[in-house]
C-alpha atoms as a PDB file:
ATOM      1  CA  ASP A   1     134.940 -77.964 138.693  1.00  0.00           C
ATOM      2  CA  ASN A   2     136.750 -79.756 141.516  1.00  0.00           C
ATOM      3  CA  THR A   3     135.442 -83.226 140.628  1.00  0.00           C
ATOM      4  CA  ILE A   4     136.920 -86.319 139.025  1.00  0.00           C
ATOM      5  CA  ILE A   5     134.693 -87.675 136.274  1.00  0.00           C
ATOM      6  CA  GLU A   6     135.199 -90.733 134.114  1.00  0.00           C
ATOM      7  CA  ALA A   7     134.852 -89.976 130.419  1.00  0.00           C
ATOM      8  CA  ASP A   8     132.385 -91.921 128.345  1.00  0.00           C
ATOM      9  CA  THR A   9     134.296 -93.749 125.629  1.00  0.00           C
ATOM     10  CA  SER A  10     131.244 -95.104 123.812  1.00  0.00           C
ATOM     11  CA  GLU A  11     130.574 -93.846 120.292  1.00  0.00           C
ATOM     12  CA  ASP A  12     127.059 -92.687 121.185  1.00  0.00           C
ATOM     13  CA  GLN A  13     128.113 -91.083 124.504  1.00  0.00           C
ATOM     14  CA  SER A  14     125.188 -92.862 126.205  1.00  0.00           C
ATOM     15  CA  GLY A  15     127.067 -93.284 129.478  1.00  0.00           C
ATOM     16  CA  CYS A  16     128.099 -89.643 129.802  1.00  0.00           C
ATOM     17  CA  GLN A  17     128.441 -88.711 133.496  1.00  0.00           C
ATOM     18  CA  TYR A  18     129.289 -85.028 133.167  1.00  0.00           C
ATOM     19  CA  ASP A  19     127.573 -81.883 131.993  1.00  0.00           C
ATOM     20  CA  LYS A  20     128.892 -81.145 128.507  1.00  0.00           C
ATOM     21  CA  THR A  21     127.267 -77.714 128.706  1.00  0.00           C
ATOM     22  CA  SER A  22     129.193 -76.618 131.817  1.00  0.00           C
ATOM     23  CA  GLU A  23     131.574 -73.710 131.308  1.00  0.00           C
ATOM     24  CA  GLY A  24     134.362 -75.752 132.919  1.00  0.00           C
ATOM     25  CA  TRP A  25     134.043 -78.581 130.387  1.00  0.00           C
ATOM     26  CA  LYS A  26     133.695 -76.171 127.448  1.00  0.00           C
ATOM     27  CA  THR A  27     136.871 -74.373 128.491  1.00  0.00           C
ATOM     28  CA  LEU A  28     138.831 -77.578 129.127  1.00  0.00           C
ATOM     29  CA  SER A  29     137.745 -79.140 125.836  1.00  0.00           C
ATOM     30  CA  ARG A  30     138.649 -75.956 123.938  1.00  0.00           C
ATOM     31  CA  ILE A  31     142.215 -76.152 125.265  1.00  0.00           C
ATOM     32  CA  ALA A  32     142.422 -79.898 124.539  1.00  0.00           C
ATOM     33  CA  ALA A  33     141.277 -79.271 120.948  1.00  0.00           C
ATOM     34  CA  LEU A  34     143.381 -76.200 120.165  1.00  0.00           C
ATOM     35  CA  CYS A  35     146.618 -77.009 122.017  1.00  0.00           C
ATOM     36  CA  ASN A  36     146.959 -80.241 120.099  1.00  0.00           C
ATOM     37  CA  ARG A  37     148.815 -81.137 116.903  1.00  0.00           C
ATOM     38  CA  ALA A  38     147.102 -84.514 116.314  1.00  0.00           C
ATOM     39  CA  GLU A  39     144.848 -84.820 113.265  1.00  0.00           C
ATOM     40  CA  PHE A  40     142.650 -87.555 111.892  1.00  0.00           C
ATOM     41  CA  LYS A  41     144.027 -89.072 108.707  1.00  0.00           C
ATOM     42  CA  VAL A  42     141.967 -88.045 105.677  1.00  0.00           C
ATOM     43  CA  GLY A  43     139.157 -90.114 104.226  1.00  0.00           C
ATOM     44  CA  GLN A  44     137.853 -91.605 107.490  1.00  0.00           C
ATOM     45  CA  GLU A  45     134.617 -89.680 107.892  1.00  0.00           C
ATOM     46  CA  GLU A  46     132.588 -92.906 107.864  1.00  0.00           C
ATOM     47  CA  VAL A  47     134.892 -94.685 110.341  1.00  0.00           C
ATOM     48  CA  PRO A  48     133.758 -94.573 114.002  1.00  0.00           C
ATOM     49  CA  ILE A  49     135.778 -91.917 115.855  1.00  0.00           C
ATOM     50  CA  LEU A  50     137.479 -94.345 118.233  1.00  0.00           C
ATOM     51  CA  LYS A  51     138.668 -96.482 115.315  1.00  0.00           C
ATOM     52  CA  ARG A  52     140.043 -93.620 113.212  1.00  0.00           C
ATOM     53  CA  GLU A  53     143.755 -93.448 112.523  1.00  0.00           C
ATOM     54  CA  VAL A  54     145.521 -90.337 113.764  1.00  0.00           C
ATOM     55  CA  ASN A  55     148.681 -88.476 112.815  1.00  0.00           C
ATOM     56  CA  GLY A  56     150.234 -87.489 116.147  1.00  0.00           C
ATOM     57  CA  ASP A  57     151.439 -88.951 119.412  1.00  0.00           C
ATOM     58  CA  ALA A  58     149.294 -91.233 121.567  1.00  0.00           C
ATOM     59  CA  SER A  59     148.351 -88.652 124.221  1.00  0.00           C
ATOM     60  CA  GLU A  60     147.297 -86.046 121.680  1.00  0.00           C
ATOM     61  CA  ALA A  61     145.412 -88.689 119.673  1.00  0.00           C
ATOM     62  CA  ALA A  62     143.479 -89.663 122.824  1.00  0.00           C
ATOM     63  CA  LEU A  63     142.604 -86.017 123.525  1.00  0.00           C
ATOM     64  CA  LEU A  64     141.531 -85.483 119.909  1.00  0.00           C
ATOM     65  CA  LYS A  65     139.229 -88.521 120.008  1.00  0.00           C
ATOM     66  CA  CYS A  66     137.799 -87.534 123.400  1.00  0.00           C
ATOM     67  CA  VAL A  67     136.913 -84.009 122.281  1.00  0.00           C
ATOM     68  CA  GLU A  68     135.672 -85.165 118.871  1.00  0.00           C
ATOM     69  CA  LEU A  69     133.319 -87.639 120.615  1.00  0.00           C
ATOM     70  CA  ALA A  70     132.101 -85.195 123.247  1.00  0.00           C
ATOM     71  CA  VAL A  71     131.945 -81.950 121.266  1.00  0.00           C
ATOM     72  CA  GLY A  72     132.495 -82.785 117.593  1.00  0.00           C
ATOM     73  CA  ASP A  73     134.051 -80.904 114.674  1.00  0.00           C
ATOM     74  CA  VAL A  74     137.514 -80.342 116.160  1.00  0.00           C
ATOM     75  CA  LYS A  75     138.820 -79.580 112.665  1.00  0.00           C
ATOM     76  CA  GLY A  76     136.228 -76.831 112.237  1.00  0.00           C
ATOM     77  CA  TRP A  77     136.909 -75.492 115.716  1.00  0.00           C
ATOM     78  CA  ARG A  78     140.598 -75.188 114.858  1.00  0.00           C
ATOM     79  CA  ALA A  79     139.809 -73.501 111.528  1.00  0.00           C
ATOM     80  CA  ARG A  80     137.639 -70.912 113.304  1.00  0.00           C
ATOM     81  CA  ASN A  81     140.330 -70.275 115.964  1.00  0.00           C
ATOM     82  CA  LYS A  82     143.417 -69.847 113.789  1.00  0.00           C
ATOM     83  CA  LYS A  83     146.750 -70.725 115.401  1.00  0.00           C
ATOM     84  CA  VAL A  84     149.213 -67.815 115.117  1.00  0.00           C
ATOM     85  CA  CYS A  85     152.104 -69.083 117.272  1.00  0.00           C
ATOM     86  CA  GLU A  86     153.199 -72.310 118.943  1.00  0.00           C
ATOM     87  CA  ILE A  87     155.857 -73.647 121.270  1.00  0.00           C
ATOM     88  CA  PRO A  88     155.830 -77.414 120.672  1.00  0.00           C
ATOM     89  CA  PHE A  89     156.132 -79.779 123.621  1.00  0.00           C
ATOM     90  CA  ASN A  90     159.700 -80.578 124.615  1.00  0.00           C
ATOM     91  CA  SER A  91     161.175 -82.627 127.440  1.00  0.00           C
ATOM     92  CA  THR A  92     162.820 -79.586 129.056  1.00  0.00           C
ATOM     93  CA  ASN A  93     159.737 -77.373 129.399  1.00  0.00           C
ATOM     94  CA  LYS A  94     157.281 -80.283 129.649  1.00  0.00           C
ATOM     95  CA  TYR A  95     154.523 -78.137 128.188  1.00  0.00           C
ATOM     96  CA  GLN A  96     153.086 -77.059 124.842  1.00  0.00           C
ATOM     97  CA  VAL A  97     151.696 -73.585 124.132  1.00  0.00           C
ATOM     98  CA  SER A  98     149.691 -72.204 121.257  1.00  0.00           C
ATOM     99  CA  ILE A  99     148.159 -68.787 120.642  1.00  0.00           C
ATOM    100  CA  HIS A 100     144.947 -68.390 118.666  1.00  0.00           C
ATOM    101  CA  GLU A 101     142.696 -65.803 117.145  1.00  0.00           C
ATOM    102  CA  THR A 102     139.188 -66.455 118.454  1.00  0.00           C
ATOM    103  CA  GLU A 103     135.899 -66.936 116.637  1.00  0.00           C
ATOM    104  CA  ASP A 104     133.822 -64.889 119.074  1.00  0.00           C
ATOM    105  CA  ASN A 105     134.595 -61.312 117.905  1.00  0.00           C
ATOM    106  CA  ASP A 106     136.848 -60.821 120.945  1.00  0.00           C
ATOM    107  CA  PRO A 107     139.847 -58.725 119.814  1.00  0.00           C
ATOM    108  CA  ARG A 108     142.105 -60.594 122.245  1.00  0.00           C
ATOM    109  CA  TYR A 109     144.255 -63.584 121.414  1.00  0.00           C
ATOM    110  CA  LEU A 110     143.753 -66.793 123.396  1.00  0.00           C
ATOM    111  CA  LEU A 111     146.849 -68.503 124.814  1.00  0.00           C
ATOM    112  CA  VAL A 112     146.361 -72.187 125.645  1.00  0.00           C
ATOM    113  CA  MET A 113     148.845 -74.512 127.348  1.00  0.00           C
ATOM    114  CA  LYS A 114     148.956 -78.168 128.302  1.00  0.00           C
ATOM    115  CA  GLY A 115     151.637 -80.343 129.837  1.00  0.00           C
ATOM    116  CA  ALA A 116     152.982 -81.971 132.969  1.00  0.00           C
ATOM    117  CA  PRO A 117     150.498 -81.025 135.715  1.00  0.00           C
ATOM    118  CA  GLU A 118     153.088 -79.640 138.131  1.00  0.00           C
ATOM    119  CA  ARG A 119     154.626 -77.487 135.360  1.00  0.00           C
ATOM    120  CA  ILE A 120     151.230 -76.144 134.378  1.00  0.00           C
ATOM    121  CA  LEU A 121     150.147 -75.365 137.943  1.00  0.00           C
ATOM    122  CA  GLU A 122     153.357 -73.445 138.719  1.00  0.00           C
ATOM    123  CA  ARG A 123     152.587 -71.131 135.778  1.00  0.00           C
ATOM    124  CA  CYS A 124     149.099 -70.269 137.041  1.00  0.00           C
ATOM    125  CA  SER A 125     147.919 -67.586 139.445  1.00  0.00           C
ATOM    126  CA  THR A 126     144.180 -68.243 139.138  1.00  0.00           C
ATOM    127  CA  ILE A 127     141.894 -71.256 138.732  1.00  0.00           C
ATOM    128  CA  TYR A 128     138.627 -71.581 136.791  1.00  0.00           C
ATOM    129  CA  MET A 129     136.018 -73.428 138.827  1.00  0.00           C
ATOM    130  CA  ASN A 130     132.219 -73.539 138.680  1.00  0.00           C
ATOM    131  CA  GLY A 131     132.210 -70.797 136.041  1.00  0.00           C
ATOM    132  CA  GLU A 132     134.347 -68.399 138.083  1.00  0.00           C
ATOM    133  CA  GLU A 133     137.997 -67.404 138.056  1.00  0.00           C
ATOM    134  CA  LYS A 134     139.461 -67.457 141.570  1.00  0.00           C
ATOM    135  CA  PRO A 135     142.933 -66.864 143.040  1.00  0.00           C
ATOM    136  CA  LEU A 136     144.952 -70.079 143.159  1.00  0.00           C
ATOM    137  CA  ASP A 137     145.632 -70.430 146.897  1.00  0.00           C
ATOM    138  CA  GLU A 138     147.386 -73.122 148.926  1.00  0.00           C
ATOM    139  CA  GLU A 139     144.126 -74.986 149.594  1.00  0.00           C
ATOM    140  CA  MET A 140     143.461 -75.184 145.847  1.00  0.00           C
ATOM    141  CA  LYS A 141     147.021 -76.357 145.209  1.00  0.00           C
ATOM    142  CA  GLU A 142     146.569 -79.114 147.795  1.00  0.00           C
ATOM    143  CA  SER A 143     143.303 -80.224 146.125  1.00  0.00           C
ATOM    144  CA  PHE A 144     145.151 -80.259 142.818  1.00  0.00           C
ATOM    145  CA  ASN A 145     147.964 -82.400 144.232  1.00  0.00           C
ATOM    146  CA  ASN A 146     145.456 -84.855 145.710  1.00  0.00           C
ATOM    147  CA  ALA A 147     143.636 -85.195 142.362  1.00  0.00           C
ATOM    148  CA  TYR A 148     146.913 -85.543 140.501  1.00  0.00           C
ATOM    149  CA  LEU A 149     148.128 -88.253 142.890  1.00  0.00           C
ATOM    150  CA  GLU A 150     144.791 -90.087 142.691  1.00  0.00           C
ATOM    151  CA  LEU A 151     144.809 -90.098 138.893  1.00  0.00           C
ATOM    152  CA  GLY A 152     148.516 -90.871 138.659  1.00  0.00           C
ATOM    153  CA  GLY A 153     148.079 -93.639 141.224  1.00  0.00           C
ATOM    154  CA  LEU A 154     145.690 -95.342 138.820  1.00  0.00           C
ATOM    155  CA  GLY A 155     148.593 -95.677 136.397  1.00  0.00           C
ATOM    156  CA  GLU A 156     147.179 -93.050 134.075  1.00  0.00           C
ATOM    157  CA  ARG A 157     148.986 -90.352 132.117  1.00  0.00           C
ATOM    158  CA  VAL A 158     147.844 -87.019 133.514  1.00  0.00           C
ATOM    159  CA  LEU A 159     148.015 -83.657 131.742  1.00  0.00           C
ATOM    160  CA  GLY A 160     147.269 -80.196 133.109  1.00  0.00           C
ATOM    161  CA  PHE A 161     145.518 -77.467 131.102  1.00  0.00           C
ATOM    162  CA  CYS A 162     145.466 -73.681 131.409  1.00  0.00           C
ATOM    163  CA  ASP A 163     144.647 -70.607 129.353  1.00  0.00           C
ATOM    164  CA  TYR A 164     144.934 -66.821 129.285  1.00  0.00           C
ATOM    165  CA  MET A 165     143.264 -64.098 127.250  1.00  0.00           C
ATOM    166  CA  LEU A 166     146.101 -61.819 126.161  1.00  0.00           C
ATOM    167  CA  PRO A 167     145.304 -58.123 126.772  1.00  0.00           C
ATOM    168  CA  SER A 168     144.656 -56.391 123.441  1.00  0.00           C
ATOM    169  CA  ASP A 169     146.509 -53.220 124.467  1.00  0.00           C
ATOM    170  CA  LYS A 170     149.791 -55.198 124.669  1.00  0.00           C
ATOM    171  CA  TYR A 171     148.992 -57.844 122.041  1.00  0.00           C
ATOM    172  CA  PRO A 172     146.847 -56.160 119.354  1.00  0.00           C
ATOM    173  CA  LEU A 173     145.641 -58.062 116.301  1.00  0.00           C
ATOM    174  CA  GLY A 174     148.627 -58.674 114.034  1.00  0.00           C
ATOM    175  CA  TYR A 175     151.106 -58.739 116.942  1.00  0.00           C
ATOM    176  CA  PRO A 176     154.360 -60.455 115.818  1.00  0.00           C
ATOM    177  CA  PHE A 177     154.422 -63.391 118.255  1.00  0.00           C
ATOM    178  CA  ASP A 178     157.832 -65.083 118.406  1.00  0.00           C
ATOM    179  CA  ALA A 179     158.015 -68.615 119.845  1.00  0.00           C
ATOM    180  CA  ASP A 180     161.826 -68.472 120.080  1.00  0.00           C
ATOM    181  CA  ALA A 181     161.988 -65.131 121.904  1.00  0.00           C
ATOM    182  CA  VAL A 182     158.791 -65.978 123.866  1.00  0.00           C
ATOM    183  CA  ASN A 183     157.498 -62.401 123.631  1.00  0.00           C
ATOM    184  CA  PHE A 184     154.259 -63.289 125.418  1.00  0.00           C
ATOM    185  CA  PRO A 185     153.391 -64.425 128.965  1.00  0.00           C
ATOM    186  CA  VAL A 186     153.871 -68.034 130.045  1.00  0.00           C
ATOM    187  CA  GLY A 187     153.092 -67.271 133.684  1.00  0.00           C
ATOM    188  CA  GLY A 188     150.159 -65.714 135.548  1.00  0.00           C
ATOM    189  CA  LEU A 189     147.836 -68.043 133.633  1.00  0.00           C
ATOM    190  CA  ARG A 190     144.440 -69.527 134.552  1.00  0.00           C
ATOM    191  CA  PHE A 191     144.417 -73.201 135.589  1.00  0.00           C
ATOM    192  CA  VAL A 192     141.446 -75.000 134.037  1.00  0.00           C
ATOM    193  CA  GLY A 193     141.834 -78.678 134.872  1.00  0.00           C
ATOM    194  CA  LEU A 194     143.395 -82.097 134.465  1.00  0.00           C
ATOM    195  CA  MET A 195     142.703 -84.890 132.024  1.00  0.00           C
ATOM    196  CA  SER A 196     144.082 -88.389 132.329  1.00  0.00           C
ATOM    197  CA  MET A 197     144.268 -91.312 129.989  1.00  0.00           C
ATOM    198  CA  ILE A 198     145.289 -94.931 130.218  1.00  0.00           C
END
């Protein structure tokens, strides 16, 4: 929503500085949870979230812990939004994509993407801000670059996030998505935000 907010990393979230009920945060956290291959190792339900061991790389582990702290039940969220296709992150594309069925009776598939901020932004034509989808114009791109430089200047790893509801007339339920042929859009997406981590 065009603001930089520091995440609360306490177990009880007592220092939370952002509105967890905002549509912007809900959308960003959904992408961070679904477009993510990290998983908590089994048998750690009693271990505080920040101390749990994770299968996955450091960035994805940080995102998993952040969303688990702020929203909870990432595993359940993933189960209710079944992944049907994925392009794993690679150093050429510098992004990761996954496509999901959704839990909300919407017949459309949800495409979510995360990766290098500049690679994500160049694939977007709109931006989601303050609960509205708007055209991504030059002024917005400049704001994005300023935020990216500010976060990157702090020595943090920055990731960009975007999504797109695939039209059901072209991608009906049961559509044979093919990650190798990329028979789905990876452009014209909706930019949702940035997250950074130390």
